[in-house]
Structure formats: structure tokens, C-alpha cells
Amino acid sequence: MALTMYQLSIPALIRGLGVLTKLLDKAEAHARDNGVSPDDLVNARLAPDMLTLAGQVQRVSDTSKGLVGRLTSIEVPRFPDEEKTLGELRQRIANTVAFLQTVRPTDLEDSDRREVVLNFPTLKVTLTGEEYLLRFVLPNFYFHLTTAYDILRHKGVSIGKADFLSLTA
């Protein structure tokens, strides 16, 4: 039996968002235990031209919701990018997960053949739904999830590969 678009997307996105929540929990504990300002973590970035931790979390959320918006007829909730605390970032993740949990496998039936047009400032790309999922959504989702992990690791939060893979308690 072939994997469905639902099986390839929604469970993986929900799992990744759960990992991100646990990373933010560890970041908050790190800040508390080490006298670090949580704001320093929320506003941290790896390089001047990269998004902050908050921006990375927002892109993970937006990429997840965007999949649903582009591949179904479901209206996607809009979340303004206004999070300024770890708690607000966790709430955004929870809201995103709650939305994704409303998506049913039947909502994504035949979405592999749906046309998706991505408009970037200097580029317009047309993809099938399958290409959109495999060549844009999943790589973009994991890029921003990994970058959030990297920011926290760079700031001294005690996390490792097992945390990213969600192999820890």
C-alpha cells in the first residue's frame, strides 16, 4: 500500500512541532537555571542575516499551515508574527498543532496532483502537490526546526540529537 499525502505530512509536522515545544521547554529551564534572560533566547540568531528563534518558530508554524492551505479547501488560521516570549512561541505551536489535528486524511486525497504556485520576490515556481510537499514543505519545515535547535544549542541550552529525534523522555 502506498503512503498517502496525509501520512507523509500531518503526522510528521505534528511530531516536529512537538519536538520544538520540548526544545523551548528546555530553553526556558536553561534560562531559569542559569540566570539567562529568556528574551535573549527568543531574540537570538545564528547570523545577522538570519531570523531569530522567534522567526524560526513562526516559519515552522507557517510552513505547516501553508501545506493545508495550498493542498485543501480548508481555511487556514492566521497568526500574526508578534510572539515575544517562550510561552507565546509555545502557544503558537499549540495553536498550529490544534489546527493540524482537524485535518483528516480525506482532506488531502488527490492533493498530490493539485497545482501549487509559489511566488517569491524574484522567482515563480509551479509544482504538483507531491512536489510541493517533498521539495518545499518538508525541507523548509526541517530547515527552520533545525535552525531553532541550532540557535538554542549555540546559546548553551543542553540539548542533543536525541532531543531533536524525540528519543528522550
Protein backbone atom coordinates (compact mmCIF):
# COMPACT_ATOMS: atom_id res chain seq x y z
CA MET A 1 0.00 0.00 0.00
CA ALA A 2 1.40 3.37 -1.00
CA LEU A 3 1.85 6.14 1.53
CA THR A 4 -0.71 8.91 1.32
CA MET A 5 -0.11 12.65 1.30
CA TYR A 6 -1.69 12.76 4.75
CA GLN A 7 0.64 10.08 6.13
CA LEU A 8 3.68 11.86 4.68
CA SER A 9 2.75 15.25 6.07
CA ILE A 10 0.40 15.80 9.00
CA PRO A 11 1.87 13.26 11.46
CA ALA A 12 5.44 14.38 10.65
CA LEU A 13 4.55 18.05 11.09
CA ILE A 14 2.75 17.41 14.38
CA ARG A 15 5.70 15.37 15.64
CA GLY A 16 8.18 18.09 14.66
CA LEU A 17 6.09 20.74 16.38
CA GLY A 18 6.07 18.56 19.50
CA VAL A 19 9.86 18.36 19.35
CA LEU A 20 10.01 22.14 19.06
CA THR A 21 7.81 22.53 22.13
CA LYS A 22 10.15 20.30 24.14
CA LEU A 23 13.15 22.29 22.93
CA LEU A 24 11.50 25.50 24.10
CA ASP A 25 10.72 23.87 27.46
CA LYS A 26 14.41 23.04 27.85
CA ALA A 27 15.32 26.58 26.79
CA GLU A 28 13.10 28.01 29.50
CA ALA A 29 14.62 25.71 32.12
CA HIS A 30 18.10 26.69 30.93
CA ALA A 31 17.27 30.38 31.24
CA ARG A 32 15.84 29.93 34.72
CA ASP A 33 18.66 27.70 35.98
CA ASN A 34 21.48 29.81 34.53
CA GLY A 35 20.24 33.35 35.06
CA VAL A 36 19.86 33.89 31.33
CA SER A 37 17.17 36.23 30.07
CA PRO A 38 14.55 34.26 28.13
CA ASP A 39 14.32 37.32 25.86
CA ASP A 40 17.94 36.73 24.85
CA LEU A 41 16.95 33.27 23.64
CA VAL A 42 13.80 34.42 21.82
CA ASN A 43 15.79 37.12 20.01
CA ALA A 44 18.92 35.04 19.35
CA ARG A 45 20.03 34.29 15.83
CA LEU A 46 22.96 32.43 14.30
CA ALA A 47 23.97 35.20 11.92
CA PRO A 48 22.92 38.81 11.39
CA ASP A 49 21.01 38.00 8.19
CA MET A 50 19.11 35.06 9.70
CA LEU A 51 15.79 35.01 11.52
CA THR A 52 15.67 34.98 15.31
CA LEU A 53 14.47 31.98 17.28
CA ALA A 54 11.01 33.55 17.23
CA GLY A 55 11.21 33.87 13.45
CA GLN A 56 12.25 30.23 13.10
CA VAL A 57 9.29 29.07 15.18
CA GLN A 58 6.95 31.29 13.16
CA ARG A 59 8.23 29.81 9.87
CA VAL A 60 7.79 26.25 11.20
CA SER A 61 4.19 27.15 12.05
CA ASP A 62 3.52 28.94 8.77
CA THR A 63 5.01 26.14 6.67
CA SER A 64 2.77 23.62 8.45
CA LYS A 65 -0.37 25.69 7.98
CA GLY A 66 0.61 26.59 4.41
CA LEU A 67 0.59 22.96 3.39
CA VAL A 68 -3.03 22.67 4.42
CA GLY A 69 -3.98 25.95 2.78
CA ARG A 70 -2.39 25.10 -0.55
CA LEU A 71 -3.44 21.45 -0.75
CA THR A 72 -7.00 21.55 0.60
CA SER A 73 -10.01 23.85 0.65
CA ILE A 74 -9.66 24.31 4.42
CA GLU A 75 -9.32 27.88 5.61
CA VAL A 76 -6.05 28.37 7.43
CA PRO A 77 -5.90 30.44 10.63
CA ARG A 78 -3.66 33.49 10.51
CA PHE A 79 -1.24 34.09 13.32
CA PRO A 80 0.46 37.50 13.38
CA ASP A 81 4.19 37.25 13.99
CA GLU A 82 4.08 39.01 17.37
CA GLU A 83 5.45 36.40 19.77
CA LYS A 84 7.97 37.87 22.18
CA THR A 85 8.27 35.17 24.87
CA LEU A 86 8.96 31.47 25.01
CA GLY A 87 5.43 30.99 26.35
CA GLU A 88 3.93 32.85 23.39
CA LEU A 89 6.00 30.74 21.00
CA ARG A 90 4.78 27.56 22.71
CA GLN A 91 1.19 28.84 22.39
CA ARG A 92 1.67 29.42 18.67
CA ILE A 93 2.95 25.88 18.31
CA ALA A 94 -0.03 24.54 20.30
CA ASN A 95 -2.43 26.51 18.09
CA THR A 96 -0.74 25.14 14.98
CA VAL A 97 -0.96 21.56 16.27
CA ALA A 98 -4.61 22.03 17.21
CA PHE A 99 -5.31 23.21 13.66
CA LEU A 100 -3.38 20.33 12.06
CA GLN A 101 -5.32 17.86 14.20
CA THR A 102 -8.52 18.98 12.45
CA VAL A 103 -7.17 17.81 9.09
CA ARG A 104 -8.48 14.40 8.04
CA PRO A 105 -6.82 12.00 5.61
CA THR A 106 -9.69 12.54 3.17
CA ASP A 107 -8.93 16.28 3.10
CA LEU A 108 -5.63 15.53 1.35
CA GLU A 109 -6.93 12.90 -1.08
CA ASP A 110 -5.74 13.60 -4.63
CA SER A 111 -3.74 16.59 -3.40
CA ASP A 112 -0.59 15.05 -4.88
CA ARG A 113 -1.77 16.18 -8.32
CA ARG A 114 -3.01 19.62 -7.27
CA GLU A 115 -1.12 22.56 -8.80
CA VAL A 116 0.72 24.78 -6.33
CA VAL A 117 2.23 28.09 -7.37
CA LEU A 118 4.85 29.65 -5.12
CA ASN A 119 5.61 33.31 -5.71
CA PHE A 120 8.91 34.59 -4.41
CA PRO A 121 10.23 38.11 -5.00
CA THR A 122 12.45 37.01 -7.89
CA LEU A 123 11.03 33.60 -8.72
CA LYS A 124 7.72 31.93 -9.53
CA VAL A 125 7.58 28.14 -9.17
CA THR A 126 4.76 25.80 -10.17
CA LEU A 127 4.73 22.38 -8.53
CA THR A 128 2.40 19.45 -8.15
CA GLY A 129 1.12 18.86 -4.63
CA GLU A 130 3.53 15.96 -4.25
CA GLU A 131 6.47 18.08 -5.37
CA TYR A 132 5.35 20.90 -3.08
CA LEU A 133 5.30 18.55 -0.08
CA LEU A 134 8.57 16.76 -0.85
CA ARG A 135 10.63 19.59 -2.38
CA PHE A 136 9.40 22.59 -0.37
CA VAL A 137 7.28 21.89 2.72
CA LEU A 138 9.32 19.16 4.38
CA PRO A 139 12.75 20.66 3.60
CA ASN A 140 11.61 24.14 4.66
CA PHE A 141 9.95 22.82 7.83
CA TYR A 142 13.05 20.89 8.89
CA PHE A 143 15.38 23.75 7.93
CA HIS A 144 13.63 26.10 10.35
CA LEU A 145 13.19 23.42 13.03
CA THR A 146 16.90 22.59 12.80
CA THR A 147 17.86 26.25 12.88
CA ALA A 148 15.76 26.76 16.04
CA TYR A 149 17.59 23.77 17.55
CA ASP A 150 20.94 25.23 16.47
CA ILE A 151 20.18 28.64 17.97
CA LEU A 152 19.31 27.07 21.32
CA ARG A 153 22.35 24.82 21.23
CA HIS A 154 24.55 27.79 20.34
CA LYS A 155 23.14 29.69 23.33
CA GLY A 156 24.14 26.86 25.68
CA VAL A 157 20.86 25.01 26.10
CA SER A 158 21.64 21.40 26.96
CA ILE A 159 20.01 19.60 24.06
CA GLY A 160 21.30 16.93 21.73
CA LYS A 161 20.43 14.79 18.77
CA ALA A 162 18.18 12.55 20.86
CA ASP A 163 16.10 15.63 21.74
CA PHE A 164 15.77 16.53 18.06
CA LEU A 165 14.81 12.98 17.18
CA SER A 166 12.45 12.90 20.17
CA LEU A 167 14.10 9.83 21.60
CA THR A 168 14.29 11.23 25.13
CA ALA A 169 11.64 11.29 27.82
